[in-house]
C-alpha atoms as a PDB file:
ATOM      1  CA  MET A   1     -53.730 -37.061  14.931  1.00  0.00           C
ATOM      2  CA  GLU A   2     -51.882 -35.543  11.219  1.00  0.00           C
ATOM      3  CA  LEU A   3     -49.883 -33.220  14.281  1.00  0.00           C
ATOM      4  CA  LEU A   4     -47.999 -36.288  15.251  1.00  0.00           C
ATOM      5  CA  LEU A   5     -47.144 -37.108  12.231  1.00  0.00           C
ATOM      6  CA  ASP A   6     -45.546 -32.845  11.430  1.00  0.00           C
ATOM      7  CA  ARG A   7     -44.355 -33.131  13.823  1.00  0.00           C
ATOM      8  CA  PHE A   8     -42.364 -35.716  14.229  1.00  0.00           C
ATOM      9  CA  GLU A   9     -42.494 -36.397  11.103  1.00  0.00           C
ATOM     10  CA  GLU A  10     -38.596 -37.943  10.346  1.00  0.00           C
ATOM     11  CA  TYR A  11     -39.250 -40.421  13.396  1.00  0.00           C
ATOM     12  CA  ILE A  12     -42.925 -42.279  12.255  1.00  0.00           C
ATOM     13  CA  GLY A  13     -43.119 -44.264   9.351  1.00  0.00           C
ATOM     14  CA  GLU A  14     -47.092 -44.800  10.084  1.00  0.00           C
ATOM     15  CA  ILE A  15     -50.172 -45.000  12.939  1.00  0.00           C
ATOM     16  CA  ALA A  16     -52.324 -47.903  11.717  1.00  0.00           C
ATOM     17  CA  LEU A  17     -55.865 -47.036  14.614  1.00  0.00           C
ATOM     18  CA  LYS A  18     -57.374 -51.373  15.334  1.00  0.00           C
ATOM     19  CA  PRO A  19     -60.712 -51.665  16.140  1.00  0.00           C
ATOM     20  CA  SER A  20     -61.425 -52.459  19.383  1.00  0.00           C
ATOM     21  CA  ASP A  21     -63.986 -52.595  22.872  1.00  0.00           C
ATOM     22  CA  GLY A  22     -65.557 -51.377  25.452  1.00  0.00           C
ATOM     23  CA  GLY A  23     -64.646 -47.192  24.053  1.00  0.00           C
ATOM     24  CA  ARG A  24     -61.106 -47.752  24.370  1.00  0.00           C
ATOM     25  CA  PHE A  25     -58.149 -45.239  22.782  1.00  0.00           C
ATOM     26  CA  GLU A  26     -54.969 -46.757  23.597  1.00  0.00           C
ATOM     27  CA  VAL A  27     -51.590 -45.201  22.215  1.00  0.00           C
ATOM     28  CA  THR A  28     -48.450 -46.948  21.858  1.00  0.00           C
ATOM     29  CA  VAL A  29     -44.969 -46.007  20.692  1.00  0.00           C
ATOM     30  CA  ASP A  30     -43.160 -49.211  19.789  1.00  0.00           C
ATOM     31  CA  GLY A  31     -45.377 -51.456  20.652  1.00  0.00           C
ATOM     32  CA  GLU A  32     -44.766 -49.254  24.666  1.00  0.00           C
ATOM     33  CA  LEU A  33     -47.817 -47.825  25.852  1.00  0.00           C
ATOM     34  CA  VAL A  34     -47.677 -44.251  25.706  1.00  0.00           C
ATOM     35  CA  PHE A  35     -51.411 -43.680  27.421  1.00  0.00           C
ATOM     36  CA  SER A  36     -54.588 -44.717  27.563  1.00  0.00           C
ATOM     37  CA  LYS A  37     -58.207 -43.650  27.982  1.00  0.00           C
ATOM     38  CA  HIS A  38     -58.985 -47.197  30.346  1.00  0.00           C
ATOM     39  CA  ALA A  39     -56.640 -45.768  32.477  1.00  0.00           C
ATOM     40  CA  THR A  40     -57.205 -41.967  32.873  1.00  0.00           C
ATOM     41  CA  GLY A  41     -60.529 -42.515  31.709  1.00  0.00           C
ATOM     42  CA  ARG A  42     -59.844 -39.608  29.529  1.00  0.00           C
ATOM     43  CA  PHE A  43     -58.984 -38.231  26.046  1.00  0.00           C
ATOM     44  CA  PRO A  44     -55.737 -36.943  26.185  1.00  0.00           C
ATOM     45  CA  GLU A  45     -55.479 -32.962  24.731  1.00  0.00           C
ATOM     46  CA  GLU A  46     -52.982 -32.847  21.647  1.00  0.00           C
ATOM     47  CA  GLU A  47     -50.738 -30.991  23.753  1.00  0.00           C
ATOM     48  CA  GLU A  48     -50.338 -33.769  26.141  1.00  0.00           C
ATOM     49  CA  LEU A  49     -49.970 -36.545  23.611  1.00  0.00           C
ATOM     50  CA  ILE A  50     -47.417 -34.656  21.355  1.00  0.00           C
ATOM     51  CA  ARG A  51     -45.261 -34.580  25.117  1.00  0.00           C
ATOM     52  CA  LEU A  52     -45.938 -38.223  25.602  1.00  0.00           C
ATOM     53  CA  VAL A  53     -45.224 -39.195  22.023  1.00  0.00           C
ATOM     54  CA  GLY A  54     -41.726 -36.797  22.121  1.00  0.00           C
ATOM     55  CA  GLU A  55     -41.008 -38.279  24.587  1.00  0.00           C
ATOM     56  CA  ARG A  56     -40.729 -42.012  23.971  1.00  0.00           C
ATOM     57  CA  LEU A  57     -39.464 -40.775  20.246  1.00  0.00           C
ATOM     58  CA  GLY A  58     -36.191 -39.513  21.770  1.00  0.00           C
ATOM     59  CA  ALA A  59     -36.910 -36.511  20.443  1.00  0.00           C
END
């Protein structure tokens, strides 16, 4: 998560971790789901996550 803050410092006000059940790992940007471990069955690669968040932010 630190990489996201470093890369998109001017766009991101906060990163929040929310506990859930069932081993979910989901990333949303402004309420829009950009990655779901539940849907893909895997964790994202670092660069993949940076790309997905960047696309959503228009950065």
